[in-house]
Protein backbone atom coordinates (compact mmCIF):
# COMPACT_ATOMS: atom_id res chain seq x y z
CA MET A 1 -37.13 -4.29 64.65
CA ASN A 2 -33.62 -3.68 66.14
CA ARG A 3 -31.40 -2.32 63.11
CA ASP A 4 -28.40 -2.19 65.57
CA ARG A 5 -28.33 -6.07 66.18
CA PRO A 6 -25.33 -7.37 64.24
CA ARG A 7 -26.58 -9.65 61.16
CA ALA A 8 -25.58 -13.24 61.60
CA ALA A 9 -23.27 -14.87 59.07
CA ARG A 10 -25.46 -16.32 56.54
CA ARG A 11 -25.23 -19.92 55.96
CA PRO A 12 -25.07 -21.53 52.69
CA SER A 13 -28.51 -23.25 51.76
CA THR A 14 -28.50 -26.88 51.70
CA LEU A 15 -29.46 -26.69 47.82
CA SER A 16 -26.41 -24.63 46.86
CA VAL A 17 -24.15 -27.02 48.87
CA LEU A 18 -25.79 -30.19 47.29
CA LEU A 19 -26.47 -29.02 43.70
CA PRO A 20 -22.79 -29.12 42.53
CA ALA A 21 -22.56 -32.89 43.97
CA ILE A 22 -26.00 -33.67 42.28
CA LEU A 23 -24.83 -32.51 38.81
CA LEU A 24 -21.53 -34.01 39.12
CA ILE A 25 -23.01 -37.27 39.62
CA ALA A 26 -25.79 -36.75 36.96
CA GLY A 27 -22.74 -36.03 34.71
CA LEU A 28 -23.89 -32.54 33.96
CA LEU A 29 -21.01 -30.61 35.57
CA PRO A 30 -17.84 -32.25 34.22
CA THR A 31 -14.85 -32.07 36.66
CA ALA A 32 -11.66 -30.12 35.62
CA ALA A 33 -9.98 -33.44 34.78
CA ALA A 34 -12.79 -34.31 32.46
CA ALA A 35 -12.74 -31.07 30.68
CA ASP A 36 -8.96 -31.24 30.40
CA ASP A 37 -8.75 -34.79 29.60
CA HIS A 38 -8.63 -34.26 25.64
CA ARG A 39 -5.84 -31.43 25.44
CA ASP A 40 -3.02 -34.06 25.34
CA ALA A 41 -4.96 -36.80 24.07
CA VAL A 42 -4.44 -38.62 20.72
CA VAL A 43 -7.14 -39.88 18.84
CA VAL A 44 -6.78 -41.81 15.51
CA PHE A 45 -9.74 -41.91 13.04
CA THR A 46 -9.37 -44.64 10.26
CA GLY A 47 -11.19 -46.04 7.33
CA ALA A 48 -13.38 -43.06 6.34
CA THR A 49 -13.25 -41.29 3.14
CA LEU A 50 -11.59 -37.72 3.97
CA HIS A 51 -13.07 -34.65 2.23
CA PRO A 52 -10.27 -32.03 3.29
CA VAL A 53 -11.76 -29.32 1.06
CA ASP A 54 -8.71 -27.78 0.22
CA ARG A 55 -7.60 -30.90 -1.86
CA PRO A 56 -9.36 -33.69 -3.35
CA PRO A 57 -11.06 -36.54 -1.44
CA ILE A 58 -8.98 -39.15 0.19
CA GLU A 59 -10.51 -42.78 0.41
CA ASP A 60 -9.37 -45.09 3.20
CA GLY A 61 -8.11 -42.00 5.14
CA ALA A 62 -6.83 -41.36 8.37
CA LEU A 63 -7.14 -38.37 10.58
CA VAL A 64 -4.99 -37.90 13.72
CA VAL A 65 -6.28 -35.72 16.55
CA ARG A 66 -3.72 -34.41 19.13
CA GLY A 67 -5.24 -32.33 22.13
CA THR A 68 -7.35 -29.75 20.16
CA ASP A 69 -5.79 -29.87 16.65
CA ILE A 70 -5.47 -31.81 13.62
CA ALA A 71 -1.94 -33.50 13.63
CA PHE A 72 -2.37 -35.64 10.42
CA ALA A 73 -4.98 -36.01 7.65
CA GLY A 74 -4.21 -38.33 4.67
CA ALA A 75 -4.19 -41.71 3.41
CA ARG A 76 -4.20 -44.58 6.01
CA ALA A 77 -1.29 -46.10 4.24
CA ASP A 78 0.97 -42.80 5.21
CA LEU A 79 -0.32 -42.97 8.92
CA PRO A 80 2.67 -41.91 11.11
CA THR A 81 4.43 -44.83 12.76
CA ASP A 82 5.39 -42.79 15.92
CA LEU A 83 1.94 -42.62 17.51
CA PRO A 84 1.68 -43.27 21.38
CA ALA A 85 0.77 -46.74 22.27
CA ASP A 86 -2.23 -45.39 24.26
CA ALA A 87 -3.60 -43.42 21.24
CA ARG A 88 -7.44 -44.05 21.06
CA ARG A 89 -8.39 -45.52 17.80
CA ILE A 90 -11.92 -45.22 16.07
CA ALA A 91 -12.61 -47.35 12.95
CA LEU A 92 -14.93 -45.33 10.58
CA ASP A 93 -14.99 -47.69 7.66
CA GLY A 94 -17.69 -46.68 5.14
CA LYS A 95 -18.03 -43.38 6.96
CA HIS A 96 -17.09 -39.84 5.80
CA LEU A 97 -15.16 -37.03 7.32
CA TYR A 98 -15.94 -33.41 6.58
CA PRO A 99 -14.92 -30.24 8.11
CA GLY A 100 -17.58 -28.52 10.17
CA PHE A 101 -19.89 -25.76 8.94
CA ILE A 102 -19.47 -22.03 9.57
CA HIS A 103 -22.93 -20.04 10.25
CA VAL A 104 -22.04 -16.74 8.51
CA ALA A 105 -23.65 -13.55 9.68
CA SER A 106 -25.26 -15.30 12.40
CA GLU A 107 -27.49 -14.34 15.37
CA LEU A 108 -26.57 -17.38 17.41
CA GLY A 109 -26.05 -16.91 21.11
CA LEU A 110 -27.65 -13.18 20.84
CA ILE A 111 -31.20 -14.20 20.72
CA GLU A 112 -33.36 -17.26 22.18
CA ILE A 113 -37.18 -16.44 21.94
CA ASN A 114 -38.19 -13.53 19.46
CA SER A 115 -41.14 -12.70 21.45
CA VAL A 116 -39.50 -12.36 24.90
CA ARG A 117 -37.49 -8.96 24.65
CA GLY A 118 -35.03 -9.89 27.51
CA SER A 119 -33.55 -12.77 25.57
CA VAL A 120 -32.95 -10.83 22.41
CA ASP A 121 -29.60 -8.99 22.25
CA THR A 122 -29.22 -8.29 18.35
CA ASP A 123 -29.94 -4.58 18.61
CA GLU A 124 -29.12 -1.40 20.67
CA ILE A 125 -30.24 1.97 20.53
CA GLY A 126 -28.80 4.53 18.51
CA GLU A 127 -27.51 4.65 14.68
CA VAL A 128 -23.78 4.74 15.71
CA ARG A 129 -22.39 1.96 17.98
CA SER A 130 -19.33 1.32 16.38
CA ASP A 131 -17.52 0.48 19.78
CA LEU A 132 -19.81 -2.26 20.75
CA ARG A 133 -18.65 -5.72 20.60
CA ALA A 134 -20.96 -8.74 19.85
CA ARG A 135 -18.59 -11.10 21.54
CA SER A 136 -19.50 -9.83 24.89
CA ALA A 137 -23.19 -10.33 24.23
CA TYR A 138 -22.95 -14.12 23.39
CA ASN A 139 -24.77 -16.39 25.45
CA ALA A 140 -22.91 -19.84 25.29
CA ASP A 141 -25.80 -21.68 27.06
CA SER A 142 -28.46 -20.82 24.35
CA LEU A 143 -30.51 -23.89 23.56
CA LEU A 144 -30.34 -22.82 19.88
CA ILE A 145 -26.41 -23.27 20.08
CA SER A 146 -26.99 -26.77 21.01
CA ALA A 147 -29.41 -27.64 18.19
CA ALA A 148 -26.93 -26.07 15.80
CA ARG A 149 -23.91 -27.98 17.01
CA VAL A 150 -25.44 -31.49 16.47
CA GLY A 151 -26.41 -30.30 13.07
CA GLY A 152 -22.90 -29.63 12.09
CA ILE A 153 -22.28 -26.17 12.77
CA VAL A 154 -19.06 -25.90 14.66
CA ALA A 155 -18.54 -22.10 14.56
CA ALA A 156 -20.67 -19.08 14.01
CA HIS A 157 -19.77 -15.60 12.84
CA VAL A 158 -21.82 -13.70 15.19
CA ARG A 159 -23.12 -10.11 14.31
CA GLN A 160 -25.53 -7.52 15.72
CA SER A 161 -28.04 -5.47 13.64
CA GLY A 162 -29.86 -2.35 13.82
CA GLY A 163 -28.65 1.33 13.26
CA MET A 164 -26.11 1.93 10.75
CA LEU A 165 -23.02 0.94 12.80
CA PRO A 166 -24.00 -1.85 15.22
CA GLY A 167 -20.58 -2.84 16.15
CA VAL A 168 -17.72 -5.48 15.70
CA SER A 169 -18.47 -8.91 14.80
CA THR A 170 -17.07 -12.03 16.09
CA VAL A 171 -16.23 -15.80 15.24
CA LEU A 172 -17.00 -18.07 18.13
CA ARG A 173 -17.14 -21.80 18.23
CA THR A 174 -20.52 -23.60 19.33
CA ALA A 175 -19.03 -25.10 22.10
CA GLY A 176 -17.45 -23.65 25.32
CA TRP A 177 -18.10 -22.52 28.73
CA ASN A 178 -18.50 -18.82 27.83
CA TRP A 179 -17.74 -16.25 25.24
CA ASP A 180 -14.11 -16.13 25.94
CA ASP A 181 -13.51 -19.74 26.13
CA ALA A 182 -15.55 -20.15 22.50
CA THR A 183 -13.60 -17.44 20.87
CA VAL A 184 -11.71 -18.16 17.56
CA ARG A 185 -11.43 -14.43 16.55
CA ALA A 186 -12.60 -11.74 18.83
CA GLU A 187 -12.70 -8.91 16.37
CA THR A 188 -13.63 -10.04 13.06
CA ALA A 189 -15.13 -7.25 11.10
CA MET A 190 -17.08 -3.62 11.55
CA GLN A 191 -20.58 -4.15 10.58
CA LEU A 192 -22.44 -1.48 8.49
CA GLN A 193 -26.12 -1.58 7.78
CA PHE A 194 -26.35 0.44 4.45
CA PRO A 195 -29.34 2.80 4.35
CA THR A 196 -32.14 1.26 2.19
CA VAL A 197 -32.73 2.64 -1.34
CA SER A 198 -36.10 1.75 -2.28
CA SER A 199 -36.15 2.42 -6.13
CA PRO A 200 -33.71 3.39 -9.03
CA SER A 201 -34.88 7.11 -8.80
CA ASN A 202 -33.32 7.03 -5.39
CA ALA A 203 -29.99 5.67 -6.28
CA GLY A 204 -26.89 7.77 -7.21
CA ASP A 205 -26.85 11.30 -6.41
CA GLU A 206 -30.13 11.35 -4.42
CA ALA A 207 -28.81 8.25 -2.38
CA GLY A 208 -25.67 10.21 -1.39
CA SER A 209 -27.70 13.34 -0.18
CA SER A 210 -30.30 11.36 1.91
CA ALA A 211 -30.25 12.13 5.72
CA ARG A 212 -28.75 8.86 6.71
CA VAL A 213 -26.11 8.49 4.07
CA MET A 214 -24.89 12.15 4.88
CA LEU A 215 -24.88 11.13 8.52
CA LEU A 216 -22.78 7.97 7.40
CA ASN A 217 -20.38 10.27 5.47
CA GLU A 218 -20.25 12.61 8.36
CA VAL A 219 -19.23 9.71 10.72
CA PHE A 220 -16.26 8.55 8.56
CA ASP A 221 -15.14 12.19 7.97
CA ALA A 222 -15.00 12.64 11.79
CA ALA A 223 -13.41 9.15 12.18
CA ARG A 224 -10.61 10.18 9.76
CA SER A 225 -9.99 13.58 11.29
CA THR A 226 -9.89 11.66 14.82
CA ALA A 227 -7.31 9.16 13.52
CA ALA A 228 -5.13 11.90 12.08
CA ALA A 229 -5.04 13.78 15.42
CA ASP A 230 -3.55 10.68 17.10
CA ASN A 231 -1.81 12.88 19.75
CA ALA A 232 -5.00 14.68 20.94
CA PRO A 233 -5.58 14.76 24.68
CA PRO A 234 -8.51 12.41 26.04
CA PRO A 235 -11.32 12.33 26.36
CA ARG A 236 -11.55 10.92 22.71
CA ASN A 237 -14.91 9.77 21.06
CA ARG A 238 -14.81 6.07 21.53
CA ARG A 239 -17.24 5.44 18.52
CA LEU A 240 -14.88 7.29 16.17
CA ALA A 241 -11.79 5.84 17.43
CA ALA A 242 -13.39 2.25 17.01
CA LEU A 243 -13.32 3.03 13.07
CA ALA A 244 -9.75 3.65 12.87
CA PRO A 245 -8.78 -0.02 12.25
CA VAL A 246 -11.31 0.05 9.31
CA LEU A 247 -9.79 3.12 7.75
CA ASP A 248 -6.32 1.85 7.97
CA GLY A 249 -7.22 -1.66 6.78
CA ARG A 250 -6.63 -3.58 9.69
CA LEU A 251 -10.18 -4.55 10.26
CA ALA A 252 -12.61 -5.51 7.69
CA LEU A 253 -15.93 -3.79 6.91
CA HIS A 254 -18.83 -5.88 6.46
CA VAL A 255 -21.63 -3.81 4.62
CA ALA A 256 -24.94 -5.37 4.82
CA ALA A 257 -27.18 -4.01 1.82
CA TYR A 258 -30.48 -5.59 0.99
CA GLY A 259 -32.37 -5.07 -2.16
CA ARG A 260 -31.17 -4.47 -5.81
CA TRP A 261 -30.87 -0.42 -5.74
CA THR A 262 -29.31 -0.73 -2.24
CA ILE A 263 -26.58 -2.90 -3.15
CA GLY A 264 -25.78 -0.27 -6.06
CA ALA A 265 -25.66 2.54 -3.78
CA ALA A 266 -23.49 0.82 -1.12
CA LEU A 267 -20.96 -0.12 -3.87
CA ASP A 268 -20.88 3.61 -5.10
CA TRP A 269 -20.42 4.66 -1.41
CA LEU A 270 -17.36 2.13 -0.93
CA GLU A 271 -15.62 3.43 -4.00
CA ALA A 272 -16.27 7.01 -2.86
CA GLN A 273 -14.65 6.32 0.49
CA ALA A 274 -11.96 4.14 -0.97
CA LEU A 275 -12.91 1.27 1.36
CA THR A 276 -13.18 -1.52 -1.14
CA ALA A 277 -9.87 -3.08 -0.34
CA ASN A 278 -11.00 -4.84 3.00
CA ALA A 279 -14.82 -4.80 2.27
CA VAL A 280 -17.07 -7.77 2.40
CA LEU A 281 -20.83 -7.54 1.08
CA ILE A 282 -23.54 -9.26 3.12
CA SER A 283 -26.49 -9.34 0.72
CA THR A 284 -29.40 -11.44 -0.61
CA PRO A 285 -29.22 -13.17 -4.15
CA ALA A 286 -29.89 -10.01 -5.69
CA ALA A 287 -25.96 -9.30 -5.29
CA ALA A 288 -25.77 -11.27 -8.39
CA ALA A 289 -26.98 -8.64 -10.49
CA TYR A 290 -23.66 -6.92 -9.59
CA ALA A 291 -21.41 -10.10 -10.08
CA GLU A 292 -19.11 -8.35 -12.58
CA ARG A 293 -18.61 -5.20 -10.51
CA LEU A 294 -18.13 -7.01 -7.33
CA ALA A 295 -15.56 -9.09 -9.14
CA ALA A 296 -13.75 -6.33 -10.48
CA LEU A 297 -13.58 -4.65 -7.17
CA GLY A 298 -12.40 -7.88 -5.42
CA ILE A 299 -15.18 -7.69 -2.81
CA PRO A 300 -16.35 -11.03 -1.36
CA VAL A 301 -20.25 -11.84 -0.51
CA ILE A 302 -21.81 -13.64 2.35
CA LEU A 303 -24.88 -14.60 0.45
CA ASP A 304 -27.43 -14.31 3.13
CA GLY A 305 -29.59 -17.33 2.13
CA VAL A 306 -30.57 -19.07 -1.24
CA LEU A 307 -34.11 -20.35 -0.34
CA ALA A 308 -35.77 -16.87 -1.26
CA GLU A 309 -38.27 -15.77 -3.95
CA PRO A 310 -37.11 -13.34 -6.47
CA ASP A 311 -36.82 -9.76 -5.47
CA LEU A 312 -38.63 -8.39 -8.69
CA ARG A 313 -41.74 -9.89 -10.08
CA ASP A 314 -40.35 -10.10 -13.68
CA LEU A 315 -37.42 -12.41 -12.74
CA PRO A 316 -37.56 -16.08 -13.27
CA TYR A 317 -38.83 -18.40 -10.41
CA ASP A 318 -35.03 -19.54 -9.88
CA ASP A 319 -33.26 -16.18 -9.48
CA ALA A 320 -32.29 -16.49 -6.14
CA TYR A 321 -31.43 -20.26 -6.65
CA THR A 322 -28.92 -19.54 -9.39
CA ALA A 323 -27.30 -16.32 -7.77
CA ALA A 324 -24.47 -18.32 -6.20
CA ALA A 325 -23.64 -19.89 -9.46
CA ARG A 326 -23.55 -16.50 -11.25
CA LEU A 327 -21.35 -14.87 -8.55
CA HIS A 328 -18.86 -17.84 -8.69
CA GLU A 329 -18.78 -18.00 -12.52
CA ALA A 330 -18.00 -14.15 -12.37
CA GLY A 331 -15.07 -14.99 -9.88
CA VAL A 332 -16.53 -13.46 -6.69
CA ALA A 333 -15.81 -15.40 -3.53
CA ILE A 334 -18.79 -16.33 -1.77
CA ALA A 335 -19.93 -17.95 1.76
CA ILE A 336 -23.58 -19.07 1.90
CA GLY A 337 -25.81 -18.55 5.04
CA ASN A 338 -29.32 -18.78 5.84
CA GLY A 339 -30.22 -14.89 6.88
CA GLY A 340 -28.74 -15.24 10.13
CA SER A 341 -31.50 -17.04 11.58
CA ALA A 342 -30.36 -18.67 15.01
CA SER A 343 -33.40 -21.13 15.23
CA ASP A 344 -32.57 -23.00 12.16
CA ALA A 345 -28.92 -22.67 11.69
CA ARG A 346 -28.61 -26.25 10.97
CA ASN A 347 -30.02 -25.90 7.77
CA VAL A 348 -27.35 -23.73 6.31
CA PRO A 349 -25.73 -26.67 4.22
CA PHE A 350 -29.14 -27.13 2.53
CA ASN A 351 -29.05 -23.46 1.17
CA ALA A 352 -25.71 -24.38 -0.10
CA ALA A 353 -27.14 -27.51 -1.70
CA MET A 354 -29.91 -25.64 -3.38
CA ALA A 355 -27.36 -23.59 -5.15
CA ALA A 356 -25.39 -26.51 -6.10
CA ALA A 357 -28.77 -28.04 -7.82
CA PHE A 358 -28.88 -24.83 -9.72
CA GLY A 359 -25.46 -24.53 -11.36
CA LEU A 360 -23.06 -23.95 -8.35
CA PRO A 361 -20.17 -26.75 -8.57
CA LYS A 362 -20.73 -29.26 -5.82
CA ASP A 363 -17.24 -28.75 -4.43
CA VAL A 364 -17.77 -24.81 -4.42
CA ALA A 365 -21.06 -25.35 -2.70
CA LEU A 366 -19.36 -27.39 0.10
CA ARG A 367 -16.38 -24.90 0.32
CA SER A 368 -19.00 -21.97 0.66
CA VAL A 369 -20.17 -23.28 4.17
CA THR A 370 -16.60 -24.32 5.12
CA LEU A 371 -13.18 -23.05 3.57
CA SER A 372 -14.42 -19.92 1.71
CA ALA A 373 -16.45 -18.87 4.78
CA ALA A 374 -13.36 -19.18 7.04
CA GLU A 375 -11.17 -17.22 4.25
CA ILE A 376 -13.77 -14.30 4.08
CA LEU A 377 -13.95 -14.33 7.92
CA GLY A 378 -10.05 -14.40 8.33
CA VAL A 379 -10.07 -17.56 10.36
CA ALA A 380 -8.83 -19.99 7.61
CA ASP A 381 -5.83 -20.72 9.55
CA ARG A 382 -8.07 -22.44 12.38
CA LEU A 383 -11.08 -23.55 10.47
CA GLY A 384 -12.56 -24.69 7.24
CA SER A 385 -10.70 -27.74 6.01
CA LEU A 386 -9.16 -30.99 7.22
CA THR A 387 -5.49 -29.77 7.46
CA ALA A 388 -2.73 -30.53 9.74
CA GLY A 389 -2.42 -27.70 12.17
CA LYS A 390 -5.86 -26.49 12.20
CA GLU A 391 -8.53 -27.19 15.02
CA ALA A 392 -10.19 -30.59 14.86
CA SER A 393 -13.59 -29.34 14.35
CA PHE A 394 -15.31 -31.94 11.72
CA LEU A 395 -18.10 -34.14 11.23
CA VAL A 396 -18.52 -37.91 10.87
CA THR A 397 -21.38 -38.64 8.48
CA ASP A 398 -22.99 -41.68 6.49
CA GLY A 399 -23.08 -39.78 3.24
CA ASP A 400 -22.89 -36.18 1.68
CA PRO A 401 -23.90 -33.57 4.39
CA LEU A 402 -25.46 -31.34 1.75
CA GLU A 403 -28.02 -34.06 1.44
CA ILE A 404 -30.97 -33.73 3.64
CA VAL A 405 -31.12 -37.67 4.09
CA THR A 406 -27.44 -37.82 5.28
CA ARG A 407 -27.09 -38.63 9.12
CA ILE A 408 -24.49 -36.67 11.11
CA GLU A 409 -23.20 -39.39 13.44
CA GLN A 410 -20.38 -37.36 15.25
CA VAL A 411 -19.41 -33.95 15.69
CA TRP A 412 -16.06 -32.84 17.30
CA ILE A 413 -15.25 -29.26 18.11
CA ALA A 414 -11.61 -28.38 19.00
CA GLY A 415 -10.55 -32.06 19.51
CA ALA A 416 -13.58 -32.68 21.86
CA PRO A 417 -16.83 -34.78 20.95
CA VAL A 418 -20.06 -33.22 20.99
CA ASP A 419 -22.66 -34.89 23.37
CA PHE A 420 -25.73 -35.00 21.40
CA THR A 421 -27.83 -35.65 24.23
CA THR A 422 -27.34 -31.79 24.92
CA ASP A 423 -29.80 -30.93 22.11
CA HIS A 424 -33.08 -30.37 23.74
CA GLN A 425 -34.70 -31.03 20.42
CA LEU A 426 -33.29 -34.50 20.01
CA ARG A 427 -34.24 -35.27 23.38
CA LEU A 428 -37.99 -34.33 22.73
CA TYR A 429 -37.81 -36.30 19.49
CA GLU A 430 -36.36 -39.48 21.32
CA ARG A 431 -39.07 -38.99 24.21
CA TYR A 432 -41.94 -38.76 21.69
CA ARG A 433 -40.66 -41.49 19.40
CA ASN A 434 -40.29 -44.01 22.35
CA ARG A 435 -43.77 -42.89 23.94
CA PRO A 436 -45.94 -45.89 24.89
CA ALA A 437 -48.45 -47.27 22.57
CA PRO A 438 -52.03 -46.42 23.20
CA ALA A 439 -54.21 -48.88 24.96
CA ALA A 440 -56.33 -51.02 22.68
CA PRO A 441 -59.94 -50.04 22.47
């Protein structure tokens, strides 16, 4: 082989030339014009009952979407008269309009198939990874996202796990070309996985002296020293520097503590570190055992699932189901999730529905997966309610979306309708529902 021979210019393959055209014809690759056509468009929805969440329902309502945002949400009788003549009008008589759901403490976009390690990006090596960002690991093309989207999930609070400080979480829409396009809030909260305390005898002083809690204390002490030495010359420790916004209150701290004794130890640690002001607890229904204390400290709770068994054998069967109601009665702000599972994110509203069936007021249950979730995550200016100025991310249903028999007929995210045929699960359902009848014997 003559290695001195100049290599000929590589010609593009026939497939690489034709593939974009094939996709365009098939409607799978939208043109630039198609991607932008909703940005200045005006769409008027009339006749539906509006459920704004931040105020009472509005019968015979109207919703005006201008570009990506809501321009008006109120009674049809109060509809603005200066709407453009070419505004698209959609009649929804007898239907219901709700703000889209938010999947809190989610793994959406970070995991595809549990048994395929290359498709799992929820964990990294090491205990302290506070400089990592979940946003940059988000896979906007995940098939699990499309399944969640048609189930009414319009945004996800995406977080990594593993270690003690796995990094900074993010809030992303479930629609978008990539993580940058989908971003609602790039840096939402520093995540902290509190070391497990297995029994009452390991709580309190013993928990504070455990190796992992000692390491956690050392990290935060070093971070304070780093923040104080603001003029120190580089190189600086990026992992310690990443904690500076937590220490001065600019970034929330989400503390994941699972188990009754671990929760108590985590609250003790937050008080000792003077970090309760911007803390959020991510926990199981066992958090209800600390409802009064959480309310006194002003710490909101992301309830990581309601459909669970009691964590202690001598508790009543419905301990987990009533946890949300007990937290609410104590005055704790709550958002309800489903354990972060990406594969069944569409079931988030049914966790809220179970809490409503066991004492949580129905409007609070709806709020827990919409506006309260947005408030806890710091994105209530963009999501969570049908309010003028917020993103037009909502659902059109034939009934209450917390009821499993309700059908979600349309989903809109940031002013653009969701194509339900993008959901592979729905395509499989339609395929086998319409399979040919077997031949007669």
